[in-house]
Protein backbone atom coordinates (compact mmCIF):
# COMPACT_ATOMS: atom_id res chain seq x y z
CA MET A 1 -78.17 155.47 355.10
CA GLU A 2 -81.56 156.61 356.27
CA GLY A 3 -81.81 160.18 357.50
CA GLY A 4 -78.05 160.65 357.47
CA VAL A 5 -75.23 161.12 354.99
CA HIS A 6 -75.42 159.38 351.64
CA PRO A 7 -71.89 159.14 350.19
CA LEU A 8 -71.83 157.91 346.60
CA PRO A 9 -70.94 154.25 346.10
CA ASP A 10 -67.23 153.81 345.56
CA THR A 11 -66.82 150.84 343.27
CA SER A 12 -63.05 151.25 343.21
CA ALA A 13 -62.49 151.24 346.98
CA PHE A 14 -60.55 147.99 347.03
CA ARG A 15 -58.30 149.14 344.18
CA ASP A 16 -57.88 152.51 345.85
CA CYS A 17 -56.93 150.79 349.10
CA PHE A 18 -54.01 149.04 347.46
CA ALA A 19 -53.12 152.10 345.38
CA LEU A 20 -53.01 154.38 348.42
CA THR A 21 -51.08 151.93 350.56
CA TRP A 22 -48.66 151.28 347.71
CA LYS A 23 -48.08 155.00 347.28
CA ASN A 24 -47.99 155.51 351.03
CA PRO A 25 -46.44 152.42 352.67
CA TYR A 26 -46.31 154.34 355.97
CA VAL A 27 -50.06 153.76 356.42
CA LEU A 28 -49.72 150.05 355.61
CA ARG A 29 -46.86 149.73 358.11
CA LEU A 30 -48.99 151.33 360.82
CA ALA A 31 -51.86 148.94 360.09
CA PHE A 32 -49.69 145.84 359.87
CA SER A 33 -47.69 146.60 363.01
CA ALA A 34 -50.84 147.17 365.06
CA GLY A 35 -52.55 144.22 363.38
CA ILE A 36 -50.00 141.72 364.67
CA GLY A 37 -51.95 142.10 367.91
CA GLY A 38 -54.83 140.54 366.00
CA LEU A 39 -52.63 137.63 364.94
CA LEU A 40 -51.72 137.00 368.57
CA PHE A 41 -55.35 137.43 369.60
CA GLY A 42 -56.34 134.75 367.09
CA TYR A 43 -53.52 132.38 367.94
CA ASP A 44 -54.03 132.60 371.68
CA THR A 45 -57.77 132.26 371.55
CA ALA A 46 -57.75 128.82 369.56
CA ALA A 47 -50.14 144.82 374.37
CA ASP A 48 -47.17 142.64 373.31
CA PHE A 49 -45.27 142.42 376.59
CA LEU A 50 -48.15 140.50 378.17
CA PHE A 51 -48.34 138.13 375.21
CA PHE A 52 -44.61 137.46 375.32
CA ILE A 53 -44.40 136.96 379.08
CA GLY A 54 -47.49 134.76 379.04
CA ALA A 55 -46.14 132.59 376.22
CA VAL A 56 -42.78 132.11 377.99
CA ILE A 57 -44.45 131.23 381.31
CA MET A 58 -46.74 128.68 379.63
CA ALA A 59 -43.94 127.06 377.65
CA ALA A 60 -41.76 126.69 380.75
CA SER A 61 -44.61 125.76 383.09
CA PRO A 62 -43.76 122.91 385.52
CA GLY A 63 -47.41 122.36 386.44
CA PRO A 64 -51.03 123.49 386.10
CA ALA A 65 -50.77 126.44 388.51
CA THR A 66 -47.98 128.14 386.55
CA LEU A 67 -49.74 127.36 383.28
CA ILE A 68 -52.83 129.21 384.55
CA VAL A 69 -50.67 132.22 385.49
CA GLY A 70 -49.31 132.28 381.93
CA ARG A 71 -52.84 132.11 380.53
CA VAL A 72 -53.83 135.07 382.72
CA PHE A 73 -51.06 137.18 381.17
CA VAL A 74 -52.06 136.11 377.67
CA GLY A 75 -55.73 136.76 378.47
CA LEU A 76 -54.91 140.31 379.53
CA GLY A 77 -52.99 140.78 376.29
CA VAL A 78 -55.90 139.45 374.23
CA GLY A 79 -58.36 141.74 375.99
CA MET A 80 -56.20 144.81 375.38
CA ALA A 81 -55.40 143.95 371.76
CA SER A 82 -59.04 143.25 370.89
CA MET A 83 -59.93 146.95 371.08
CA THR A 84 -56.69 148.92 370.94
CA SER A 85 -55.53 147.46 367.61
CA PRO A 86 -58.67 148.42 365.63
CA LEU A 87 -58.85 151.81 367.34
CA TYR A 88 -55.24 152.64 366.51
CA ILE A 89 -55.62 151.52 362.88
CA SER A 90 -58.89 153.44 362.54
CA GLU A 91 -57.42 156.68 363.87
CA ALA A 92 -54.34 156.39 361.64
CA SER A 93 -56.19 155.53 358.40
CA PRO A 94 -57.65 157.71 355.62
CA ALA A 95 -61.47 157.53 355.72
CA LYS A 96 -61.69 156.10 352.19
CA ILE A 97 -59.84 152.89 353.07
CA ARG A 98 -60.32 152.79 356.85
CA GLY A 99 -62.65 149.78 356.75
CA ALA A 100 -60.26 147.71 354.66
CA LEU A 101 -57.29 148.50 356.89
CA VAL A 102 -59.18 147.71 360.10
CA SER A 103 -60.32 144.50 358.39
CA THR A 104 -56.67 143.46 358.14
CA ASN A 105 -56.69 143.19 361.92
CA ASN A 106 -59.58 140.73 361.78
CA PHE A 107 -57.86 138.81 358.99
CA LEU A 108 -54.80 138.42 361.20
CA ILE A 109 -57.06 137.21 364.05
CA THR A 110 -58.61 134.52 361.87
CA PHE A 111 -55.26 133.68 360.29
CA GLY A 112 -53.86 133.31 363.81
CA GLN A 113 -56.61 130.79 364.61
CA PHE A 114 -55.85 128.90 361.40
CA LEU A 115 -52.14 129.00 362.21
CA SER A 116 -52.77 127.59 365.67
CA TYR A 117 -54.45 124.51 364.15
CA LEU A 118 -51.54 124.04 361.73
CA ILE A 119 -48.97 124.33 364.49
CA ASN A 120 -50.92 121.98 366.73
CA LEU A 121 -50.90 119.38 363.94
CA ALA A 122 -47.21 119.98 363.19
CA PHE A 123 -46.15 119.47 366.81
CA THR A 124 -48.43 116.50 367.50
CA LYS A 125 -45.57 113.97 367.36
CA VAL A 126 -42.85 116.23 368.80
CA PRO A 127 -41.63 115.70 372.40
CA GLY A 128 -43.00 118.42 374.67
CA THR A 129 -45.83 119.05 372.18
CA TRP A 130 -47.89 121.49 374.25
CA ARG A 131 -44.86 123.55 375.28
CA TRP A 132 -44.02 124.25 371.64
CA MET A 133 -47.64 125.01 370.80
CA LEU A 134 -47.92 127.61 373.56
CA GLY A 135 -44.40 129.02 373.47
CA VAL A 136 -44.27 129.80 369.75
CA ALA A 137 -46.76 132.65 370.32
CA GLY A 138 -43.94 134.62 371.90
CA LEU A 139 -42.23 135.18 368.52
CA PRO A 140 -44.84 137.45 366.88
CA ALA A 141 -45.29 139.24 370.22
CA LEU A 142 -41.57 140.05 370.25
CA LEU A 143 -41.77 141.20 366.61
CA GLN A 144 -44.69 143.55 367.28
CA PHE A 145 -43.04 144.92 370.40
CA SER A 146 -40.01 145.83 368.28
CA LEU A 147 -42.11 147.43 365.55
CA MET A 148 -44.36 149.41 367.87
CA ILE A 149 -41.38 151.15 369.49
CA PHE A 150 -40.91 153.08 366.23
CA LEU A 151 -44.59 153.85 365.58
CA PRO A 152 -46.11 157.22 366.53
CA GLU A 153 -49.07 157.86 368.78
CA SER A 154 -52.47 158.36 367.16
CA PRO A 155 -52.70 161.91 365.75
CA ARG A 156 -56.09 162.33 367.41
CA TRP A 157 -54.62 161.42 370.78
CA LEU A 158 -51.75 163.88 370.24
CA PHE A 159 -54.21 166.68 369.46
CA ARG A 160 -56.05 165.96 372.70
CA LYS A 161 -52.78 166.24 374.59
CA GLY A 162 -51.94 169.59 372.99
CA ARG A 163 -49.08 168.19 370.88
CA GLU A 164 -50.45 169.67 367.67
CA GLU A 165 -47.22 169.89 365.66
CA GLU A 166 -46.49 166.19 366.20
CA ALA A 167 -50.05 165.34 365.17
CA LYS A 168 -49.82 167.48 362.02
CA ALA A 169 -46.54 165.85 361.02
CA ILE A 170 -48.12 162.38 361.26
CA LEU A 171 -51.26 163.42 359.36
CA ARG A 172 -49.07 164.75 356.54
CA LYS A 173 -47.52 161.30 356.27
CA ILE A 174 -50.92 159.57 356.21
CA TYR A 175 -53.05 161.77 353.93
CA PRO A 176 -52.47 163.01 350.38
CA ALA A 177 -51.28 166.60 350.20
CA GLU A 178 -54.64 167.86 348.86
CA ASP A 179 -56.56 166.38 351.83
CA VAL A 180 -54.25 166.90 354.77
CA GLU A 181 -55.14 170.51 355.63
CA THR A 182 -58.85 169.68 355.68
CA GLU A 183 -58.20 166.74 358.01
CA ILE A 184 -56.08 168.87 360.32
CA GLN A 185 -58.77 171.55 360.53
CA ASP A 186 -61.57 169.00 361.13
CA LEU A 187 -59.59 167.36 363.89
CA LYS A 188 -58.74 170.69 365.48
CA ASP A 189 -62.39 171.78 365.36
CA SER A 190 -63.46 168.53 367.02
CA ILE A 191 -60.97 168.93 369.88
CA ASP A 192 -61.81 172.62 370.34
CA LYS A 193 -65.50 171.74 370.60
CA GLU A 194 -64.79 169.23 373.34
CA ILE A 195 -62.65 171.71 375.25
CA ARG A 196 -65.40 174.31 375.06
CA GLU A 197 -67.96 171.81 376.34
CA GLU A 198 -65.93 170.40 379.20
CA GLY A 199 -63.42 173.14 379.98
CA THR A 200 -60.50 170.74 379.57
CA SER A 201 -59.53 167.95 377.19
CA GLU A 202 -58.33 165.77 380.07
CA LYS A 203 -61.51 165.27 382.07
CA ILE A 204 -63.98 162.46 381.33
CA ASN A 205 -67.51 163.00 382.62
CA PHE A 206 -69.15 159.59 382.94
CA ARG A 207 -72.57 161.09 383.59
CA LYS A 208 -72.34 162.97 380.31
CA LEU A 209 -71.48 159.70 378.60
CA TRP A 210 -75.05 158.50 379.11
CA GLN A 211 -76.77 161.85 378.75
CA THR A 212 -75.24 162.75 375.38
CA LYS A 213 -77.47 161.49 372.57
CA THR A 214 -74.65 160.80 370.11
CA VAL A 215 -72.68 158.77 372.68
CA ARG A 216 -75.75 156.88 373.83
CA ARG A 217 -76.71 156.00 370.26
CA GLY A 218 -73.15 154.96 369.51
CA LEU A 219 -73.05 152.72 372.57
CA ILE A 220 -76.37 151.06 371.74
CA ALA A 221 -75.15 150.25 368.24
CA GLY A 222 -71.59 149.32 369.21
CA VAL A 223 -72.33 147.25 372.32
CA GLY A 224 -75.32 145.62 370.63
CA LEU A 225 -73.20 144.48 367.70
CA GLN A 226 -70.57 143.02 370.02
CA VAL A 227 -73.20 141.08 371.98
CA PHE A 228 -74.91 139.74 368.85
CA GLN A 229 -71.53 138.79 367.39
CA GLN A 230 -71.09 136.31 370.23
CA PHE A 231 -74.69 135.22 370.73
CA VAL A 232 -75.05 133.96 367.16
CA GLY A 233 -72.59 131.29 368.33
CA ILE A 234 -69.35 131.97 366.45
CA ASN A 235 -66.92 131.07 369.20
CA THR A 236 -68.77 127.87 370.01
CA VAL A 237 -68.06 126.91 366.39
CA MET A 238 -64.41 127.97 366.63
CA TYR A 239 -63.70 126.60 370.12
CA TYR A 240 -65.73 123.41 369.75
CA SER A 241 -65.48 122.74 366.01
CA PRO A 242 -63.82 119.31 366.57
CA THR A 243 -66.69 118.44 368.94
CA ILE A 244 -69.30 119.66 366.45
CA VAL A 245 -67.70 117.58 363.71
CA GLN A 246 -67.90 114.54 366.00
CA LEU A 247 -71.53 115.36 366.82
CA ALA A 248 -72.14 115.27 363.06
CA GLY A 249 -71.04 111.64 362.98
CA PHE A 250 -67.25 111.69 362.43
CA ALA A 251 -65.75 109.49 365.12
CA SER A 252 -62.00 109.99 364.55
CA ASN A 253 -60.31 112.72 366.60
CA GLN A 254 -57.77 113.25 363.83
CA THR A 255 -60.50 113.59 361.20
CA ALA A 256 -62.33 116.06 363.44
CA LEU A 257 -59.18 118.15 363.86
CA LEU A 258 -58.43 118.14 360.12
CA LEU A 259 -61.99 119.18 359.28
CA SER A 260 -61.73 121.91 361.93
CA LEU A 261 -58.67 123.17 360.07
CA VAL A 262 -60.92 123.65 357.03
CA THR A 263 -63.35 125.64 359.21
CA ALA A 264 -60.54 127.90 360.42
CA GLY A 265 -59.33 128.34 356.83
CA LEU A 266 -62.80 129.42 355.69
CA ASN A 267 -62.90 131.92 358.54
CA ALA A 268 -59.63 133.46 357.35
CA PHE A 269 -60.86 133.50 353.74
CA GLY A 270 -64.03 135.29 354.85
CA SER A 271 -61.88 137.99 356.44
CA ILE A 272 -60.19 138.56 353.07
CA LEU A 273 -63.64 139.04 351.54
CA SER A 274 -64.31 141.65 354.21
CA ILE A 275 -61.20 143.61 353.18
CA TYR A 276 -62.56 143.66 349.63
CA PHE A 277 -66.21 144.52 350.36
CA ILE A 278 -66.25 146.60 353.55
CA ASP A 279 -65.50 149.94 351.83
CA ARG A 280 -67.47 149.06 348.68
CA THR A 281 -70.66 147.66 350.18
CA GLY A 282 -70.64 149.52 353.48
CA ARG A 283 -70.76 148.27 357.05
CA LYS A 284 -74.53 148.08 357.47
CA LYS A 285 -75.36 146.26 354.25
CA LEU A 286 -72.55 143.78 354.85
CA LEU A 287 -73.87 143.15 358.37
CA LEU A 288 -77.38 142.47 357.06
CA ILE A 289 -76.15 140.11 354.33
CA SER A 290 -73.99 138.35 356.90
CA LEU A 291 -76.80 137.90 359.43
CA PHE A 292 -79.17 136.63 356.76
CA GLY A 293 -76.63 133.97 355.73
CA VAL A 294 -75.95 133.09 359.36
CA ALA A 295 -79.68 132.63 360.08
CA VAL A 296 -80.15 130.40 357.02
CA SER A 297 -77.10 128.25 357.80
CA LEU A 298 -78.07 127.86 361.46
CA GLY A 299 -81.55 126.78 360.40
CA LEU A 300 -79.95 124.26 358.04
CA LEU A 301 -77.68 122.96 360.82
CA ALA A 302 -80.62 122.64 363.20
CA GLY A 303 -82.51 120.59 360.64
CA ILE A 304 -79.50 118.38 359.87
CA PHE A 305 -78.74 117.67 363.52
CA HIS A 306 -82.41 116.91 364.14
CA GLN A 307 -82.24 114.28 361.40
CA THR A 308 -78.96 112.95 362.80
CA THR A 309 -80.49 112.65 366.28
CA THR A 310 -83.75 111.01 365.23
CA HIS A 311 -82.23 108.58 362.71
CA SER A 312 -79.29 107.14 364.62
CA PRO A 313 -78.47 103.38 364.37
CA MET A 314 -80.21 100.99 366.75
CA VAL A 315 -78.41 99.10 369.55
CA THR A 316 -78.16 95.33 369.34
CA VAL A 317 -77.36 92.79 372.07
CA ALA A 318 -73.64 92.09 372.48
CA SER A 319 -74.06 88.53 373.82
CA GLY A 320 -72.04 85.88 372.01
CA THR A 321 -69.35 88.37 371.01
CA LYS A 322 -66.09 89.44 372.61
CA PHE A 323 -67.96 92.51 373.92
CA SER A 324 -70.36 90.42 376.05
CA ASN A 325 -68.85 91.49 379.39
CA MET A 326 -68.52 95.15 378.38
CA THR A 327 -72.20 96.00 377.84
CA CYS A 328 -73.31 99.38 379.16
CA PRO A 329 -75.01 98.73 382.56
CA ASP A 330 -77.91 101.11 381.81
CA TYR A 331 -78.65 99.23 378.60
CA GLY A 332 -78.36 95.83 380.27
CA SER A 333 -80.85 96.75 382.99
CA ALA A 334 -83.28 98.74 380.85
CA ALA A 335 -86.79 97.35 380.52
CA ASN A 336 -87.16 98.87 377.05
CA SER A 337 -83.68 98.05 375.75
CA ALA A 338 -85.14 97.02 372.38
CA SER A 339 -85.94 100.69 371.68
CA TRP A 340 -82.42 101.92 372.40
CA ASP A 341 -80.52 103.64 369.63
CA CYS A 342 -77.05 105.15 369.50
CA MET A 343 -78.15 108.55 370.88
CA LYS A 344 -79.77 106.96 373.92
CA CYS A 345 -76.60 104.93 374.48
CA LEU A 346 -74.44 108.06 374.51
CA LYS A 347 -76.72 109.73 377.06
CA ALA A 348 -76.13 106.93 379.57
CA SER A 349 -74.06 108.18 382.48
CA HIS A 350 -73.78 105.38 385.06
CA PRO A 351 -71.05 104.99 383.88
CA ASP A 352 -70.49 106.83 380.58
CA CYS A 353 -71.08 104.60 377.57
CA GLY A 354 -70.04 104.59 373.92
CA PHE A 355 -71.38 103.14 370.69
CA CYS A 356 -69.34 100.58 368.75
CA SER A 357 -70.65 100.53 365.19
CA ALA A 358 -71.21 97.50 362.99
CA ALA A 359 -68.11 96.39 361.10
CA SER A 360 -69.76 96.12 357.69
CA ASP A 361 -71.82 99.30 357.68
CA LYS A 362 -71.71 101.92 360.45
CA LEU A 363 -75.40 102.75 359.88
CA LEU A 364 -76.42 99.20 360.86
CA PRO A 365 -77.14 98.31 364.53
CA GLY A 366 -74.09 98.36 366.80
CA VAL A 367 -73.39 97.64 370.46
CA CYS A 368 -73.58 99.94 373.52
CA LEU A 369 -70.50 99.44 375.70
CA VAL A 370 -68.81 100.92 378.75
CA SER A 371 -66.63 103.83 377.64
CA ASP A 372 -62.95 103.36 378.45
CA ASP A 373 -59.69 103.10 376.51
CA THR A 374 -59.60 99.28 376.62
CA VAL A 375 -63.07 98.96 375.09
CA LYS A 376 -62.24 101.66 372.53
CA ASP A 377 -59.13 99.75 371.41
CA LEU A 378 -61.08 96.48 371.15
CA CYS A 379 -63.74 98.18 369.05
CA HIS A 380 -61.14 99.62 366.68
CA GLY A 381 -59.35 96.27 366.60
CA ASP A 382 -62.52 94.67 365.26
CA SER A 383 -62.60 97.14 362.32
CA ARG A 384 -65.43 99.14 363.90
CA GLU A 385 -65.83 102.85 364.67
CA TRP A 386 -66.08 104.11 368.26
CA TYR A 387 -68.50 106.98 369.03
CA THR A 388 -68.79 108.93 372.29
CA ARG A 389 -70.11 112.38 371.18
CA GLY A 390 -72.19 111.89 368.06
CA CYS A 391 -73.63 108.91 366.19
CA PRO A 392 -73.04 107.50 362.69
CA SER A 393 -75.10 109.44 360.19
CA LYS A 394 -75.55 109.75 356.45
CA PHE A 395 -76.16 113.47 356.99
CA GLY A 396 -72.67 114.19 358.36
CA TRP A 397 -71.34 115.82 355.19
CA LEU A 398 -74.42 118.03 355.01
CA ALA A 399 -73.58 119.25 358.50
CA LEU A 400 -70.09 120.18 357.31
CA ILE A 401 -71.60 122.10 354.38
CA GLY A 402 -73.89 123.94 356.79
CA LEU A 403 -70.93 124.69 359.04
CA GLY A 404 -68.94 126.02 356.10
CA LEU A 405 -71.87 128.19 354.98
CA TYR A 406 -72.17 129.54 358.52
CA ILE A 407 -68.49 130.51 358.66
CA ILE A 408 -68.38 132.08 355.20
CA SER A 409 -71.55 134.06 356.02
CA PHE A 410 -70.35 135.21 359.43
CA SER A 411 -66.73 136.12 358.81
CA PRO A 412 -66.94 138.95 356.22
CA GLY A 413 -69.74 140.81 358.05
CA MET A 414 -70.42 139.95 361.68
CA GLY A 415 -66.84 138.79 362.14
CA THR A 416 -65.30 142.13 361.13
CA ALA A 417 -67.86 144.94 361.01
CA PRO A 418 -68.61 145.14 364.78
CA TRP A 419 -64.97 145.95 365.49
CA ILE A 420 -64.84 148.45 362.61
CA VAL A 421 -68.04 150.21 363.69
CA ASN A 422 -66.80 150.40 367.28
CA SER A 423 -63.54 151.96 366.12
CA GLU A 424 -65.47 154.68 364.22
CA ILE A 425 -68.76 155.43 365.93
CA TYR A 426 -67.83 157.18 369.19
CA PRO A 427 -67.00 160.86 369.60
CA LEU A 428 -63.26 161.33 370.01
CA ARG A 429 -63.43 162.32 373.66
CA PHE A 430 -65.23 159.12 374.69
CA ARG A 431 -63.66 156.71 372.21
CA GLY A 432 -61.38 154.94 374.67
CA VAL A 433 -64.06 154.54 377.36
CA CYS A 434 -66.80 153.46 374.95
CA GLY A 435 -64.48 151.13 373.08
CA GLY A 436 -63.54 149.51 376.38
CA ILE A 437 -67.21 149.07 377.32
CA ALA A 438 -67.94 147.44 373.95
CA ALA A 439 -64.94 145.11 374.19
CA THR A 440 -65.96 144.11 377.72
CA ALA A 441 -69.48 143.34 376.49
CA ASN A 442 -67.97 141.17 373.76
CA TRP A 443 -65.83 139.12 376.14
CA ILE A 444 -68.58 138.70 378.74
CA SER A 445 -70.90 137.46 375.98
CA ASN A 446 -68.11 135.20 374.73
CA LEU A 447 -67.72 133.71 378.19
CA ILE A 448 -71.46 133.10 378.61
CA VAL A 449 -71.87 131.39 375.23
CA ALA A 450 -68.69 129.32 375.47
CA GLN A 451 -69.49 128.09 378.96
CA THR A 452 -73.09 127.15 378.18
CA PHE A 453 -72.73 125.55 374.73
CA LEU A 454 -71.99 121.98 375.78
CA SER A 455 -74.53 122.18 378.61
CA LEU A 456 -77.14 123.40 376.12
CA THR A 457 -76.43 120.57 373.68
CA GLU A 458 -76.90 118.07 376.50
CA ALA A 459 -80.02 119.73 377.90
CA ILE A 460 -81.98 120.60 374.74
CA GLY A 461 -80.00 118.85 372.01
CA THR A 462 -77.59 120.07 369.33
CA ASP A 463 -80.44 120.81 366.91
CA MET A 464 -82.31 123.09 369.32
CA THR A 465 -79.08 124.82 370.35
CA PHE A 466 -78.36 125.82 366.76
CA LEU A 467 -82.00 126.82 366.29
CA LEU A 468 -81.67 129.11 369.34
CA PHE A 469 -78.59 130.75 367.81
CA GLY A 470 -80.56 131.15 364.59
CA ILE A 471 -83.38 132.98 366.37
CA VAL A 472 -80.81 135.32 367.94
CA SER A 473 -79.37 136.06 364.48
CA VAL A 474 -82.85 137.01 363.21
CA VAL A 475 -83.25 139.41 366.16
CA GLY A 476 -79.78 140.78 365.35
CA PHE A 477 -80.84 141.38 361.75
CA PHE A 478 -83.64 143.71 362.83
CA PHE A 479 -81.40 145.33 365.45
CA VAL A 480 -78.96 146.34 362.72
CA ILE A 481 -81.78 147.79 360.60
CA VAL A 482 -83.06 149.95 363.46
CA PHE A 483 -80.01 150.98 365.47
CA VAL A 484 -76.82 150.69 363.40
CA PRO A 485 -75.85 153.65 361.16
CA GLU A 486 -73.67 153.53 358.07
CA THR A 487 -70.20 154.97 358.71
CA LYS A 488 -68.68 154.10 355.33
CA GLY A 489 -66.42 156.83 353.98
CA LEU A 490 -67.12 159.30 356.79
CA PRO A 491 -64.21 161.07 358.44
CA ILE A 492 -64.27 160.11 362.11
CA GLU A 493 -64.89 163.71 363.10
CA GLU A 494 -68.13 163.70 361.05
CA VAL A 495 -69.60 160.53 362.60
CA GLU A 496 -70.80 162.49 365.64
CA LYS A 497 -72.75 164.88 363.39
CA MET A 498 -74.28 161.95 361.54
CA LEU A 499 -75.46 160.31 364.78
CA GLU A 500 -76.99 163.59 365.92
CA LEU A 501 -79.00 163.97 362.70
CA ARG A 502 -79.98 160.35 362.13
CA PRO A 503 -83.52 159.26 363.12
CA LEU A 504 -83.87 155.71 364.42
CA GLN A 505 -85.58 153.34 362.01
CA TYR A 506 -88.23 151.81 364.29
CA LYS A 507 -90.60 151.59 361.31
CA PHE A 508 -87.84 150.33 359.05
CA TRP A 509 -90.30 149.39 356.30
CA GLU A 510 -91.22 153.07 355.82
CA LYS A 511 -89.04 155.49 353.91
CA LYS A 512 -87.72 158.08 356.34
CA LYS A 513 -87.80 161.79 355.61
CA ARG A 514 -84.75 163.78 356.49
CA PRO A 515 -85.18 166.12 359.47
CA GLU A 516 -85.62 169.79 358.59
CA GLY A 517 -82.42 171.74 358.47
CA THR A 518 -80.19 168.78 357.75
CA MET A 519 -80.11 169.01 353.94
CA GLU A 520 -77.43 171.68 353.82
CA GLU A 521 -75.28 169.75 356.32
CA GLU A 522 -75.66 166.54 354.31
CA GLU A 523 -74.78 168.26 351.05
CA LYS A 524 -71.59 169.59 352.58
CA LEU A 525 -70.61 166.14 353.80
CA ASP A 526 -71.52 164.56 350.44
CA LYS A 527 -69.30 167.01 348.61
CA LYS A 528 -66.49 166.35 351.05
CA ASN A 529 -66.77 162.57 350.61
CA GLN A 530 -66.73 163.03 346.83
CA GLY A 531 -63.62 165.18 347.02
CA VAL A 532 -65.44 168.33 345.85
């Protein structure tokens, strides 16, 4: 990492992760128990008390108002779990395997999303379908609530509160005997420094938050990553994947849902890759590889959807068929109806219209009809396909490949690393505040992108929407190069020193010289990371 600490590559990090957690199941239990919050986060986006209460309220809801109340409880739980789970795991993990253990939280998020699709399919034909779908989330919430009762507080939090003996006892359970005394001393030194600076370990000075270079740099990197994570479009893909599949030319709702299940499965698989690579490759390199893949796949999707839009089947006159009285009014009154194709039919809005494909070949001219359930059933009854979102296309499978490439590029890097970096990068005293700011930035960005996606596709087209996301991912690539440091293998107490010494890479193409006076500090940290 430029101008900072250069720990040697650890090619056995993944093996060491399993070896350490096998030898010390206490650490794995901490990570898994906290990570169930991620599972609930993932399930409820397709703090346990809020999850459980919200799930019960939704399942028993007699009407929309009560259902919204339940969603508010679950939303509060999701917001709290999104930052507290990775922070807790990070503070209770040995530095060597911290990335992999925090990645388990993201895996449980993506697995929760995958599980929600499976459960939705399983309960499709069951009476009270939606009640089961929403209520089942209460079970893992109850499990985590039971497990967390027996888990300790973070040792770093205990040190801040003056409960040093409790903190030392927990650290001795987490770290190997040869490392524990060093960790205790580093943590004690970090807390003592804060007390000397502020006079008390209880007071938070918000003005100092912005004036302190290390905190400011951490916030720029952490908040920036959270914003870019959302603005490259991931949750539009996850929330609207059935819609995107239909836009690619797959008319069936069931087919769209099944293909969306594949998307969710790839997302979970990508999280497993993150567990393997995050402590081998490092956070920064994985982010750059991820963003490069995301930019390429979004460019591919933009090109595919452009072809889908400009090569949709033409509309033919429905006279002389059983659809004669169902013709879309806009088409019937258009002066240039001979130039109408499927895409123009779907854009009609007085009233909404749909495209009924040809029976023999869906790429041949079809008819533009008023969109309602009766017309839809008649179209299906004539062995035709009914389209209301996207048009028949021979490029549909290419769109699915592009979508899969996007997910598998995003998930291991941009899906996981922003949360890991935000759980590591802030000085201990400001970690809760800064982590909350970063999580808030993530959810605000999520809201903006999710609420504007469909409007964007209607205003500028699906192809240009994906191209816009692609441009954002390119900007994010250079942001990571300039502003995001490498925190791989660093004890959390050393991250603040690294941020203080690290020069920003504005001229990232030039090799940076280390600042004078930092060589000795770096050598000490290198030896520590190598176990010397």
